[in-house]
Amino acid sequence: MEPQSAFSLIEWHEILDSTNNEAKREFPRLDNLSIVAALEQTAGRGRGTHTWVSKPGENLTFSIILKLPAAFLAAGEAVRIMHLCSVSLCKFLEKEGVEPRIKWPNDIWVEDSKIAGILIENTFSEGYLVSSVIGVGLNLNQKEFDPLLPNPSSLGLITSKYYELSATLDDFYKIFCRLYSELGSESGRARLELEFSKRMFVLEKPVQDRLGKAIEDFEAAK
């Protein structure tokens, strides 16, 4: 049975190949700030050629659709979408009592473990960003992970709590929509950038190289 959201713009599915794929397929009928969520993905995607692995029904896998007004963000300002989503995730996690960090460019970590990933697919026209499909994977209740994965964790492992998927996505959605309004002004965008910068870190190259090799080995072993 699919979860039910308190928000009409959030659509839940039992199973999809990828929420980003579904969001793009259904893009013409979906409104700005719509969310496509799935209990299970059969072909979840990460950055580049990587996949996103998640046990069915245990975590949040969803995509947010943004349809931006004309001349809203210049193409060179597209990083603002990453600021928006990353800071929204961090503020949600901080509300749950943890201290997340943003690993450039698209991961959310708690201590030394990855808890969430972001995949953004943008569309541009005449020098402006016109739309974004923002894929998010947030580990909530999963306790056991493939041992080849280099550093996964979940919110439930960290807090020893269980999180109901639909209610948790609703909570995140409220934060995201509130921060989305910040994109509409120069001062708001500056605030988002500051919030992003305060939480952002970059791994030292040897550590990043080892992590990248571990991810490549995981992908090759599947």
N, C-alpha and C. Protein backbone atom coordinates (compact mmCIF):
# COMPACT_ATOMS: atom_id res chain seq x y z
N MET A 1 0.85 -1.20 0.00
CA MET A 1 0.00 0.00 0.00
C MET A 1 0.88 1.25 0.00
N GLU A 2 0.60 2.17 -0.90
CA GLU A 2 1.38 3.38 -1.00
C GLU A 2 1.08 4.33 0.16
N PRO A 3 2.10 5.00 0.69
CA PRO A 3 1.86 6.00 1.74
C PRO A 3 1.00 7.15 1.23
N GLN A 4 0.40 7.86 2.14
CA GLN A 4 -0.42 9.03 1.82
C GLN A 4 0.21 10.27 2.42
N SER A 5 0.32 11.32 1.60
CA SER A 5 0.92 12.57 2.05
C SER A 5 -0.16 13.57 2.41
N ALA A 6 0.19 14.48 3.31
CA ALA A 6 -0.71 15.59 3.63
C ALA A 6 -0.69 16.66 2.54
N PHE A 7 0.25 16.56 1.60
CA PHE A 7 0.41 17.57 0.56
C PHE A 7 0.02 16.99 -0.79
N SER A 8 -0.84 17.67 -1.51
CA SER A 8 -1.33 17.17 -2.79
C SER A 8 -0.24 17.10 -3.85
N LEU A 9 0.83 17.86 -3.69
CA LEU A 9 1.90 17.87 -4.68
C LEU A 9 2.90 16.74 -4.48
N ILE A 10 2.72 15.91 -3.46
CA ILE A 10 3.59 14.76 -3.24
C ILE A 10 2.87 13.50 -3.71
N GLU A 11 3.44 12.81 -4.70
CA GLU A 11 2.88 11.58 -5.24
C GLU A 11 3.76 10.40 -4.83
N TRP A 12 3.13 9.40 -4.25
CA TRP A 12 3.84 8.19 -3.83
C TRP A 12 3.56 7.05 -4.82
N HIS A 13 4.60 6.24 -5.06
CA HIS A 13 4.49 5.06 -5.91
C HIS A 13 5.07 3.85 -5.17
N GLU A 14 4.51 2.69 -5.45
CA GLU A 14 5.07 1.47 -4.86
C GLU A 14 6.46 1.20 -5.42
N ILE A 15 6.58 1.24 -6.74
CA ILE A 15 7.85 0.89 -7.38
C ILE A 15 8.02 1.69 -8.66
N LEU A 16 9.24 2.19 -8.87
CA LEU A 16 9.61 2.89 -10.09
C LEU A 16 11.02 2.46 -10.49
N ASP A 17 11.35 2.67 -11.77
CA ASP A 17 12.75 2.47 -12.14
C ASP A 17 13.61 3.50 -11.43
N SER A 18 13.21 4.76 -11.53
CA SER A 18 13.94 5.87 -10.92
C SER A 18 12.96 7.02 -10.74
N THR A 19 12.97 7.65 -9.59
CA THR A 19 12.06 8.78 -9.40
C THR A 19 12.43 9.94 -10.32
N ASN A 20 13.71 10.13 -10.61
CA ASN A 20 14.08 11.17 -11.58
C ASN A 20 13.52 10.85 -12.97
N ASN A 21 13.62 9.59 -13.37
CA ASN A 21 13.06 9.21 -14.67
C ASN A 21 11.56 9.47 -14.72
N GLU A 22 10.85 9.08 -13.66
CA GLU A 22 9.40 9.28 -13.62
C GLU A 22 9.06 10.77 -13.61
N ALA A 23 9.81 11.56 -12.88
CA ALA A 23 9.57 13.00 -12.84
C ALA A 23 9.73 13.61 -14.22
N LYS A 24 10.72 13.15 -14.98
CA LYS A 24 10.93 13.68 -16.33
C LYS A 24 9.85 13.18 -17.29
N ARG A 25 9.42 11.93 -17.12
CA ARG A 25 8.34 11.43 -17.97
C ARG A 25 7.04 12.19 -17.75
N GLU A 26 6.76 12.51 -16.50
CA GLU A 26 5.50 13.15 -16.14
C GLU A 26 5.63 14.67 -15.99
N PHE A 27 6.77 15.19 -16.41
CA PHE A 27 7.05 16.61 -16.19
C PHE A 27 5.95 17.54 -16.70
N PRO A 28 5.39 17.33 -17.89
CA PRO A 28 4.39 18.29 -18.39
C PRO A 28 3.16 18.43 -17.50
N ARG A 29 2.75 17.37 -16.82
CA ARG A 29 1.52 17.47 -16.01
C ARG A 29 1.79 17.86 -14.57
N LEU A 30 3.04 17.81 -14.14
CA LEU A 30 3.36 18.08 -12.74
C LEU A 30 3.62 19.57 -12.52
N ASP A 31 3.16 20.07 -11.39
CA ASP A 31 3.33 21.48 -11.06
C ASP A 31 4.69 21.74 -10.43
N ASN A 32 5.06 23.01 -10.41
CA ASN A 32 6.25 23.42 -9.66
C ASN A 32 6.14 22.96 -8.21
N LEU A 33 7.27 22.47 -7.68
CA LEU A 33 7.39 21.97 -6.31
C LEU A 33 6.67 20.63 -6.09
N SER A 34 6.33 19.94 -7.19
CA SER A 34 5.81 18.58 -7.05
C SER A 34 6.94 17.64 -6.65
N ILE A 35 6.55 16.56 -5.96
CA ILE A 35 7.50 15.52 -5.58
C ILE A 35 6.97 14.17 -6.05
N VAL A 36 7.86 13.38 -6.64
CA VAL A 36 7.60 11.99 -7.01
C VAL A 36 8.43 11.12 -6.07
N ALA A 37 7.77 10.27 -5.28
CA ALA A 37 8.47 9.43 -4.30
C ALA A 37 8.13 7.97 -4.57
N ALA A 38 9.04 7.08 -4.22
CA ALA A 38 8.82 5.65 -4.44
C ALA A 38 9.31 4.85 -3.25
N LEU A 39 8.56 3.79 -2.92
CA LEU A 39 9.01 2.85 -1.89
C LEU A 39 10.19 2.03 -2.38
N GLU A 40 10.24 1.81 -3.69
CA GLU A 40 11.32 1.00 -4.25
C GLU A 40 11.72 1.55 -5.61
N GLN A 41 13.03 1.60 -5.85
CA GLN A 41 13.57 1.93 -7.16
C GLN A 41 14.32 0.72 -7.70
N THR A 42 14.08 0.39 -8.97
CA THR A 42 14.80 -0.73 -9.57
C THR A 42 16.07 -0.28 -10.29
N ALA A 43 16.17 1.02 -10.56
CA ALA A 43 17.35 1.54 -11.26
C ALA A 43 17.67 2.93 -10.74
N GLY A 44 17.74 3.05 -9.41
CA GLY A 44 18.08 4.33 -8.81
C GLY A 44 19.45 4.80 -9.24
N ARG A 45 19.59 6.09 -9.44
CA ARG A 45 20.84 6.63 -9.99
C ARG A 45 21.49 7.59 -9.02
N GLY A 46 22.82 7.57 -9.04
CA GLY A 46 23.61 8.54 -8.31
C GLY A 46 24.32 9.44 -9.30
N ARG A 47 25.31 10.14 -8.82
CA ARG A 47 26.05 11.08 -9.68
C ARG A 47 26.89 10.31 -10.69
N GLY A 48 26.97 10.84 -11.90
CA GLY A 48 27.75 10.19 -12.95
C GLY A 48 27.12 8.86 -13.34
N THR A 49 27.94 7.81 -13.35
CA THR A 49 27.44 6.48 -13.71
C THR A 49 27.08 5.64 -12.48
N HIS A 50 27.13 6.23 -11.30
CA HIS A 50 26.89 5.48 -10.08
C HIS A 50 25.40 5.20 -9.89
N THR A 51 25.12 4.16 -9.16
CA THR A 51 23.74 3.82 -8.81
C THR A 51 23.47 4.23 -7.36
N TRP A 52 22.18 4.29 -7.02
CA TRP A 52 21.79 4.55 -5.63
C TRP A 52 21.07 3.30 -5.12
N VAL A 53 21.64 2.68 -4.09
CA VAL A 53 21.12 1.42 -3.57
C VAL A 53 20.36 1.68 -2.28
N SER A 54 19.12 1.18 -2.22
CA SER A 54 18.28 1.42 -1.05
C SER A 54 17.33 0.24 -0.88
N LYS A 55 17.22 -0.27 0.35
CA LYS A 55 16.29 -1.37 0.60
C LYS A 55 14.86 -0.88 0.47
N PRO A 56 14.02 -1.62 -0.26
CA PRO A 56 12.63 -1.19 -0.48
C PRO A 56 11.89 -0.92 0.84
N GLY A 57 11.20 0.21 0.88
CA GLY A 57 10.35 0.54 2.01
C GLY A 57 11.05 1.01 3.27
N GLU A 58 12.39 1.17 3.22
CA GLU A 58 13.11 1.53 4.43
C GLU A 58 13.65 2.96 4.42
N ASN A 59 13.76 3.55 3.23
CA ASN A 59 14.39 4.86 3.11
C ASN A 59 13.54 5.78 2.24
N LEU A 60 13.93 7.04 2.15
CA LEU A 60 13.28 7.98 1.26
C LEU A 60 14.04 8.06 -0.05
N THR A 61 13.34 7.82 -1.15
CA THR A 61 13.87 8.04 -2.49
C THR A 61 12.82 8.87 -3.22
N PHE A 62 13.18 10.08 -3.62
CA PHE A 62 12.19 10.97 -4.21
C PHE A 62 12.87 12.00 -5.11
N SER A 63 12.05 12.64 -5.94
CA SER A 63 12.53 13.70 -6.83
C SER A 63 11.61 14.90 -6.75
N ILE A 64 12.22 16.07 -6.71
CA ILE A 64 11.50 17.34 -6.64
C ILE A 64 11.57 18.01 -8.00
N ILE A 65 10.44 18.51 -8.46
CA ILE A 65 10.38 19.25 -9.73
C ILE A 65 10.33 20.74 -9.45
N LEU A 66 11.22 21.47 -10.10
CA LEU A 66 11.18 22.93 -10.07
C LEU A 66 10.94 23.44 -11.48
N LYS A 67 9.94 24.28 -11.64
CA LYS A 67 9.67 24.97 -12.89
C LYS A 67 9.82 26.46 -12.61
N LEU A 68 10.92 27.01 -13.04
CA LEU A 68 11.30 28.35 -12.61
C LEU A 68 10.70 29.43 -13.51
N PRO A 69 10.37 30.59 -12.93
CA PRO A 69 9.87 31.70 -13.74
C PRO A 69 10.92 32.16 -14.75
N ALA A 70 10.47 32.84 -15.79
CA ALA A 70 11.38 33.34 -16.82
C ALA A 70 12.44 34.25 -16.21
N ALA A 71 13.68 34.05 -16.66
CA ALA A 71 14.81 34.88 -16.22
C ALA A 71 14.95 34.92 -14.70
N PHE A 72 14.66 33.79 -14.05
CA PHE A 72 14.70 33.71 -12.59
C PHE A 72 16.13 33.50 -12.10
N LEU A 73 16.83 32.52 -12.70
CA LEU A 73 18.22 32.25 -12.34
C LEU A 73 19.04 32.12 -13.61
N ALA A 74 20.12 32.87 -13.70
CA ALA A 74 21.04 32.72 -14.82
C ALA A 74 21.69 31.34 -14.77
N ALA A 75 22.10 30.86 -15.94
CA ALA A 75 22.71 29.52 -16.00
C ALA A 75 23.88 29.38 -15.03
N GLY A 76 24.66 30.44 -14.89
CA GLY A 76 25.80 30.41 -13.99
C GLY A 76 25.43 30.36 -12.52
N GLU A 77 24.15 30.54 -12.22
CA GLU A 77 23.66 30.52 -10.84
C GLU A 77 23.00 29.18 -10.49
N ALA A 78 23.15 28.19 -11.36
CA ALA A 78 22.47 26.91 -11.14
C ALA A 78 22.90 26.23 -9.84
N VAL A 79 24.09 26.55 -9.35
CA VAL A 79 24.55 25.97 -8.08
C VAL A 79 23.61 26.33 -6.94
N ARG A 80 22.80 27.36 -7.11
CA ARG A 80 21.84 27.75 -6.06
C ARG A 80 20.86 26.62 -5.76
N ILE A 81 20.58 25.78 -6.76
CA ILE A 81 19.65 24.66 -6.54
C ILE A 81 20.30 23.64 -5.59
N MET A 82 21.59 23.42 -5.75
CA MET A 82 22.30 22.55 -4.81
C MET A 82 22.31 23.16 -3.41
N HIS A 83 22.53 24.47 -3.32
CA HIS A 83 22.46 25.13 -2.02
C HIS A 83 21.11 24.87 -1.36
N LEU A 84 20.05 25.08 -2.13
CA LEU A 84 18.69 24.94 -1.60
C LEU A 84 18.44 23.54 -1.07
N CYS A 85 18.74 22.52 -1.88
CA CYS A 85 18.42 21.15 -1.46
C CYS A 85 19.31 20.69 -0.32
N SER A 86 20.60 20.98 -0.40
CA SER A 86 21.53 20.54 0.65
C SER A 86 21.19 21.17 1.99
N VAL A 87 20.94 22.47 1.99
CA VAL A 87 20.61 23.16 3.24
C VAL A 87 19.28 22.66 3.79
N SER A 88 18.31 22.39 2.92
CA SER A 88 17.02 21.85 3.38
C SER A 88 17.20 20.51 4.08
N LEU A 89 18.00 19.63 3.47
CA LEU A 89 18.27 18.34 4.10
C LEU A 89 18.97 18.52 5.44
N CYS A 90 19.96 19.40 5.48
CA CYS A 90 20.69 19.62 6.72
C CYS A 90 19.78 20.16 7.82
N LYS A 91 18.92 21.10 7.47
CA LYS A 91 18.02 21.66 8.48
C LYS A 91 17.02 20.60 8.97
N PHE A 92 16.56 19.73 8.09
CA PHE A 92 15.71 18.64 8.54
C PHE A 92 16.47 17.74 9.52
N LEU A 93 17.68 17.35 9.17
CA LEU A 93 18.46 16.46 10.02
C LEU A 93 18.82 17.12 11.34
N GLU A 94 19.12 18.40 11.31
CA GLU A 94 19.43 19.11 12.55
C GLU A 94 18.20 19.14 13.47
N LYS A 95 17.03 19.23 12.88
CA LYS A 95 15.80 19.19 13.68
C LYS A 95 15.66 17.84 14.39
N GLU A 96 16.27 16.81 13.80
CA GLU A 96 16.23 15.48 14.40
C GLU A 96 17.39 15.24 15.37
N GLY A 97 18.18 16.27 15.61
CA GLY A 97 19.21 16.19 16.64
C GLY A 97 20.56 15.71 16.18
N VAL A 98 20.81 15.68 14.87
CA VAL A 98 22.14 15.28 14.39
C VAL A 98 22.84 16.47 13.75
N GLU A 99 24.14 16.32 13.51
CA GLU A 99 24.95 17.42 12.96
C GLU A 99 25.47 17.00 11.59
N PRO A 100 24.73 17.30 10.52
CA PRO A 100 25.16 16.90 9.18
C PRO A 100 26.20 17.85 8.61
N ARG A 101 26.95 17.31 7.65
CA ARG A 101 27.89 18.11 6.89
C ARG A 101 27.66 17.83 5.41
N ILE A 102 27.98 18.79 4.58
CA ILE A 102 27.81 18.66 3.14
C ILE A 102 29.16 18.35 2.52
N LYS A 103 29.28 17.16 1.95
CA LYS A 103 30.53 16.83 1.25
C LYS A 103 30.38 17.23 -0.21
N TRP A 104 31.19 18.19 -0.61
CA TRP A 104 31.09 18.69 -1.97
C TRP A 104 31.28 17.56 -2.98
N PRO A 105 30.40 17.45 -4.02
CA PRO A 105 29.36 18.45 -4.30
C PRO A 105 27.94 18.03 -3.91
N ASN A 106 27.72 16.73 -3.60
CA ASN A 106 26.32 16.30 -3.57
C ASN A 106 25.98 15.25 -2.51
N ASP A 107 26.77 15.15 -1.46
CA ASP A 107 26.49 14.16 -0.42
C ASP A 107 26.29 14.84 0.93
N ILE A 108 25.48 14.21 1.77
CA ILE A 108 25.29 14.65 3.14
C ILE A 108 25.86 13.58 4.06
N TRP A 109 26.76 13.99 4.92
CA TRP A 109 27.39 13.07 5.86
C TRP A 109 27.01 13.44 7.29
N VAL A 110 27.02 12.44 8.15
CA VAL A 110 26.96 12.63 9.59
C VAL A 110 28.18 11.91 10.16
N GLU A 111 29.04 12.67 10.83
CA GLU A 111 30.35 12.17 11.25
C GLU A 111 31.08 11.66 10.02
N ASP A 112 31.48 10.37 10.00
CA ASP A 112 32.27 9.87 8.87
C ASP A 112 31.45 9.00 7.93
N SER A 113 30.12 9.12 7.97
CA SER A 113 29.27 8.26 7.17
C SER A 113 28.34 9.06 6.29
N LYS A 114 28.06 8.50 5.12
CA LYS A 114 27.14 9.13 4.17
C LYS A 114 25.72 8.73 4.52
N ILE A 115 24.84 9.73 4.62
CA ILE A 115 23.44 9.47 4.97
C ILE A 115 22.49 9.84 3.83
N ALA A 116 22.94 10.68 2.90
CA ALA A 116 22.07 11.11 1.80
C ALA A 116 22.90 11.52 0.60
N GLY A 117 22.28 11.41 -0.58
CA GLY A 117 22.89 11.86 -1.82
C GLY A 117 21.89 12.63 -2.66
N ILE A 118 22.39 13.50 -3.50
CA ILE A 118 21.56 14.38 -4.33
C ILE A 118 22.00 14.26 -5.79
N LEU A 119 21.04 14.15 -6.69
CA LEU A 119 21.31 14.14 -8.13
C LEU A 119 20.42 15.19 -8.78
N ILE A 120 21.02 16.24 -9.34
CA ILE A 120 20.26 17.33 -9.94
C ILE A 120 20.44 17.30 -11.46
N GLU A 121 19.31 17.34 -12.16
CA GLU A 121 19.32 17.39 -13.63
C GLU A 121 18.61 18.68 -14.05
N ASN A 122 19.39 19.59 -14.63
CA ASN A 122 18.89 20.91 -14.98
C ASN A 122 18.61 21.04 -16.47
N THR A 123 17.70 21.96 -16.79
CA THR A 123 17.42 22.32 -18.18
C THR A 123 17.61 23.83 -18.33
N PHE A 124 18.31 24.22 -19.40
CA PHE A 124 18.64 25.62 -19.62
C PHE A 124 18.06 26.09 -20.95
N SER A 125 17.79 27.38 -21.04
CA SER A 125 17.35 27.99 -22.29
C SER A 125 17.77 29.46 -22.30
N GLU A 126 18.45 29.85 -23.36
CA GLU A 126 18.84 31.24 -23.58
C GLU A 126 19.55 31.86 -22.37
N GLY A 127 20.44 31.05 -21.79
CA GLY A 127 21.27 31.56 -20.71
C GLY A 127 20.65 31.52 -19.34
N TYR A 128 19.48 30.90 -19.22
CA TYR A 128 18.81 30.82 -17.92
C TYR A 128 18.44 29.38 -17.58
N LEU A 129 18.40 29.12 -16.29
CA LEU A 129 17.90 27.84 -15.78
C LEU A 129 16.37 27.89 -15.83
N VAL A 130 15.77 26.92 -16.51
CA VAL A 130 14.31 26.93 -16.63
C VAL A 130 13.63 25.85 -15.79
N SER A 131 14.35 24.76 -15.51
CA SER A 131 13.74 23.71 -14.68
C SER A 131 14.82 22.84 -14.08
N SER A 132 14.46 22.17 -13.00
CA SER A 132 15.35 21.21 -12.34
C SER A 132 14.55 20.01 -11.87
N VAL A 133 15.15 18.85 -11.99
CA VAL A 133 14.65 17.65 -11.34
C VAL A 133 15.71 17.25 -10.32
N ILE A 134 15.33 17.29 -9.06
CA ILE A 134 16.27 17.07 -7.95
C ILE A 134 15.99 15.71 -7.32
N GLY A 135 16.87 14.76 -7.57
CA GLY A 135 16.72 13.44 -6.97
C GLY A 135 17.41 13.38 -5.61
N VAL A 136 16.71 12.81 -4.64
CA VAL A 136 17.26 12.70 -3.28
C VAL A 136 17.10 11.27 -2.77
N GLY A 137 18.16 10.74 -2.22
CA GLY A 137 18.10 9.49 -1.48
C GLY A 137 18.54 9.77 -0.05
N LEU A 138 17.64 9.53 0.89
CA LEU A 138 17.93 9.77 2.31
C LEU A 138 17.71 8.48 3.08
N ASN A 139 18.79 7.95 3.66
CA ASN A 139 18.69 6.71 4.42
C ASN A 139 18.01 6.98 5.76
N LEU A 140 16.86 6.33 5.97
CA LEU A 140 16.10 6.57 7.19
C LEU A 140 16.14 5.41 8.16
N ASN A 141 15.67 4.25 7.75
CA ASN A 141 15.47 3.13 8.67
C ASN A 141 16.36 1.93 8.39
N GLN A 142 17.13 1.97 7.34
CA GLN A 142 17.94 0.81 6.97
C GLN A 142 19.02 0.57 8.02
N LYS A 143 19.14 -0.68 8.44
CA LYS A 143 20.11 -1.05 9.47
C LYS A 143 21.30 -1.81 8.90
N GLU A 144 21.06 -2.54 7.82
CA GLU A 144 22.12 -3.36 7.23
C GLU A 144 22.36 -2.92 5.79
N PHE A 145 23.65 -2.76 5.44
CA PHE A 145 24.04 -2.31 4.11
C PHE A 145 25.00 -3.32 3.50
N ASP A 146 25.09 -3.28 2.20
CA ASP A 146 26.06 -4.12 1.50
C ASP A 146 27.45 -3.83 2.09
N PRO A 147 28.17 -4.87 2.51
CA PRO A 147 29.48 -4.63 3.13
C PRO A 147 30.49 -3.98 2.20
N LEU A 148 30.25 -4.02 0.88
CA LEU A 148 31.17 -3.38 -0.05
C LEU A 148 30.96 -1.87 -0.13
N LEU A 149 29.81 -1.39 0.33
CA LEU A 149 29.60 0.06 0.34
C LEU A 149 30.58 0.69 1.33
N PRO A 150 31.25 1.78 0.94
CA PRO A 150 32.36 2.28 1.77
C PRO A 150 31.97 2.90 3.10
N ASN A 151 30.88 3.66 3.18
CA ASN A 151 30.63 4.37 4.44
C ASN A 151 29.16 4.76 4.64
N PRO A 152 28.21 3.82 4.48
CA PRO A 152 26.80 4.21 4.61
C PRO A 152 26.33 4.24 6.07
N SER A 153 25.31 5.05 6.32
CA SER A 153 24.61 5.03 7.59
C SER A 153 23.18 5.48 7.33
N SER A 154 22.38 5.51 8.38
CA SER A 154 20.99 5.97 8.25
C SER A 154 20.63 6.77 9.49
N LEU A 155 19.59 7.58 9.35
CA LEU A 155 19.15 8.38 10.48
C LEU A 155 18.71 7.49 11.63
N GLY A 156 18.05 6.40 11.32
CA GLY A 156 17.61 5.47 12.37
C GLY A 156 18.76 4.85 13.14
N LEU A 157 19.85 4.52 12.43
CA LEU A 157 21.03 3.98 13.11
C LEU A 157 21.63 5.01 14.07
N ILE A 158 21.59 6.27 13.66
CA ILE A 158 22.21 7.32 14.46
C ILE A 158 21.36 7.69 15.67
N THR A 159 20.04 7.74 15.49
CA THR A 159 19.15 8.22 16.56
C THR A 159 18.44 7.10 17.32
N SER A 160 18.52 5.86 16.80
CA SER A 160 17.80 4.72 17.38
C SER A 160 16.28 4.93 17.36
N LYS A 161 15.80 5.64 16.33
CA LYS A 161 14.37 5.87 16.15
C LYS A 161 13.90 5.24 14.85
N TYR A 162 12.57 5.06 14.74
CA TYR A 162 11.96 4.63 13.48
C TYR A 162 11.24 5.83 12.87
N TYR A 163 11.38 6.00 11.54
CA TYR A 163 10.80 7.14 10.85
C TYR A 163 9.77 6.67 9.83
N GLU A 164 8.53 7.13 9.98
CA GLU A 164 7.49 6.83 9.02
C GLU A 164 7.77 7.62 7.75
N LEU A 165 7.76 6.95 6.60
CA LEU A 165 8.27 7.57 5.39
C LEU A 165 7.48 8.80 4.96
N SER A 166 6.17 8.67 4.87
CA SER A 166 5.37 9.78 4.36
C SER A 166 5.44 10.99 5.28
N ALA A 167 5.32 10.79 6.58
CA ALA A 167 5.37 11.90 7.52
C ALA A 167 6.74 12.58 7.49
N THR A 168 7.79 11.79 7.32
CA THR A 168 9.14 12.35 7.27
C THR A 168 9.33 13.18 6.00
N LEU A 169 8.84 12.68 4.87
CA LEU A 169 8.93 13.46 3.64
C LEU A 169 8.11 14.74 3.76
N ASP A 170 6.95 14.68 4.39
CA ASP A 170 6.16 15.90 4.61
C ASP A 170 6.95 16.92 5.43
N ASP A 171 7.64 16.46 6.46
CA ASP A 171 8.43 17.36 7.29
C ASP A 171 9.54 18.03 6.47
N PHE A 172 10.22 17.23 5.66
CA PHE A 172 11.27 17.80 4.80
C PHE A 172 10.66 18.80 3.82
N TYR A 173 9.52 18.45 3.25
CA TYR A 173 8.89 19.28 2.22
C TYR A 173 8.57 20.68 2.76
N LYS A 174 8.12 20.76 3.99
CA LYS A 174 7.80 22.06 4.58
C LYS A 174 9.06 22.93 4.67
N ILE A 175 10.17 22.31 5.05
CA ILE A 175 11.43 23.05 5.13
C ILE A 175 11.87 23.49 3.74
N PHE A 176 11.79 22.57 2.78
CA PHE A 176 12.23 22.88 1.42
C PHE A 176 11.42 24.03 0.83
N CYS A 177 10.10 23.98 0.98
CA CYS A 177 9.25 25.03 0.40
C CYS A 177 9.54 26.39 1.05
N ARG A 178 9.81 26.39 2.35
CA ARG A 178 10.13 27.64 3.03
C ARG A 178 11.43 28.23 2.48
N LEU A 179 12.43 27.38 2.29
CA LEU A 179 13.72 27.86 1.80
C LEU A 179 13.68 28.18 0.30
N TYR A 180 12.78 27.53 -0.43
CA TYR A 180 12.65 27.82 -1.86
C TYR A 180 12.38 29.30 -2.09
N SER A 181 11.61 29.90 -1.21
CA SER A 181 11.30 31.33 -1.36
C SER A 181 12.54 32.20 -1.29
N GLU A 182 13.62 31.68 -0.68
CA GLU A 182 14.86 32.46 -0.59
C GLU A 182 15.51 32.66 -1.97
N LEU A 183 15.22 31.77 -2.92
CA LEU A 183 15.81 31.91 -4.24
C LEU A 183 15.35 33.17 -4.97
N GLY A 184 14.25 33.74 -4.52
CA GLY A 184 13.65 34.86 -5.22
C GLY A 184 14.29 36.21 -4.98
N SER A 185 15.27 36.27 -4.09
CA SER A 185 15.92 37.56 -3.83
C SER A 185 17.42 37.37 -3.69
N GLU A 186 18.17 38.42 -3.97
CA GLU A 186 19.62 38.35 -3.83
C GLU A 186 20.01 38.08 -2.39
N SER A 187 19.33 38.71 -1.44
CA SER A 187 19.65 38.50 -0.03
C SER A 187 19.33 37.07 0.39
N GLY A 188 18.23 36.52 -0.11
CA GLY A 188 17.87 35.14 0.21
C GLY A 188 18.88 34.16 -0.34
N ARG A 189 19.31 34.37 -1.57
CA ARG A 189 20.33 33.49 -2.16
C ARG A 189 21.63 33.58 -1.38
N ALA A 190 21.98 34.76 -0.91
CA ALA A 190 23.19 34.93 -0.11
C ALA A 190 23.07 34.16 1.21
N ARG A 191 21.88 34.18 1.81
CA ARG A 191 21.69 33.44 3.07
C ARG A 191 21.84 31.94 2.84
N LEU A 192 21.27 31.43 1.74
CA LEU A 192 21.42 30.01 1.43
C LEU A 192 22.87 29.63 1.20
N GLU A 193 23.59 30.50 0.48
CA GLU A 193 25.00 30.22 0.22
C GLU A 193 25.81 30.20 1.52
N LEU A 194 25.50 31.10 2.42
CA LEU A 194 26.19 31.12 3.71
C LEU A 194 25.88 29.85 4.50
N GLU A 195 24.61 29.45 4.54
CA GLU A 195 24.24 28.23 5.26
C GLU A 195 24.93 27.02 4.65
N PHE A 196 25.01 26.98 3.34
CA PHE A 196 25.70 25.89 2.64
C PHE A 196 27.19 25.88 3.01
N SER A 197 27.81 27.05 2.93
CA SER A 197 29.26 27.15 3.17
C SER A 197 29.62 26.75 4.59
N LYS A 198 28.77 27.07 5.56
CA LYS A 198 29.05 26.74 6.96
C LYS A 198 29.12 25.23 7.18
N ARG A 199 28.41 24.47 6.35
CA ARG A 199 28.32 23.02 6.55
C ARG A 199 29.16 22.23 5.56
N MET A 200 29.75 22.88 4.59
CA MET A 200 30.42 22.19 3.50
C MET A 200 31.86 21.83 3.86
N PHE A 201 32.30 20.64 3.39
CA PHE A 201 33.70 20.27 3.55
C PHE A 201 34.14 19.49 2.31
N VAL A 202 35.44 19.44 2.11
CA VAL A 202 36.03 18.69 1.01
C VAL A 202 37.03 17.71 1.60
N LEU A 203 36.92 16.45 1.20
CA LEU A 203 37.87 15.45 1.67
C LEU A 203 39.27 15.73 1.12
N GLU A 204 40.28 15.44 1.92
CA GLU A 204 41.64 15.50 1.40
C GLU A 204 41.78 14.50 0.25
N LYS A 205 42.61 14.82 -0.71
CA LYS A 205 42.66 14.04 -1.94
C LYS A 205 42.94 12.55 -1.72
N PRO A 206 43.90 12.15 -0.86
CA PRO A 206 44.11 10.71 -0.67
C PRO A 206 42.86 10.00 -0.13
N VAL A 207 42.14 10.66 0.78
CA VAL A 207 40.92 10.07 1.33
C VAL A 207 39.84 9.99 0.25
N GLN A 208 39.69 11.07 -0.54
CA GLN A 208 38.72 11.08 -1.63
C GLN A 208 39.05 9.99 -2.65
N ASP A 209 40.33 9.82 -2.96
CA ASP A 209 40.73 8.79 -3.92
C ASP A 209 40.38 7.40 -3.41
N ARG A 210 40.62 7.13 -2.11
CA ARG A 210 40.28 5.82 -1.54
C ARG A 210 38.77 5.60 -1.56
N LEU A 211 38.02 6.63 -1.23
CA LEU A 211 36.56 6.52 -1.26
C LEU A 211 36.07 6.28 -2.68
N GLY A 212 36.62 7.02 -3.63
CA GLY A 212 36.23 6.82 -5.03
C GLY A 212 36.54 5.41 -5.51
N LYS A 213 37.70 4.89 -5.13
CA LYS A 213 38.06 3.52 -5.51
C LYS A 213 37.11 2.52 -4.89
N ALA A 214 36.72 2.72 -3.64
CA ALA A 214 35.79 1.81 -2.98
C ALA A 214 34.43 1.81 -3.68
N ILE A 215 33.98 3.00 -4.10
CA ILE A 215 32.71 3.09 -4.82
C ILE A 215 32.81 2.39 -6.17
N GLU A 216 33.92 2.57 -6.88
CA GLU A 216 34.11 1.91 -8.15
C GLU A 216 34.11 0.39 -7.98
N ASP A 217 34.76 -0.11 -6.92
CA ASP A 217 34.78 -1.55 -6.66
C ASP A 217 33.38 -2.08 -6.37
N PHE A 218 32.60 -1.30 -5.63
CA PHE A 218 31.21 -1.68 -5.34
C PHE A 218 30.40 -1.77 -6.62
N GLU A 219 30.54 -0.77 -7.49
CA GLU A 219 29.80 -0.77 -8.76
C GLU A 219 30.19 -1.97 -9.61
N ALA A 220 31.49 -2.27 -9.65
CA ALA A 220 31.98 -3.37 -10.49
C ALA A 220 31.54 -4.73 -9.96
N ALA A 221 31.31 -4.84 -8.66
CA ALA A 221 30.98 -6.14 -8.06
C ALA A 221 29.51 -6.50 -8.20
N LYS A 222 28.67 -5.54 -8.60
CA LYS A 222 27.23 -5.80 -8.65
C LYS A 222 26.87 -6.68 -9.85
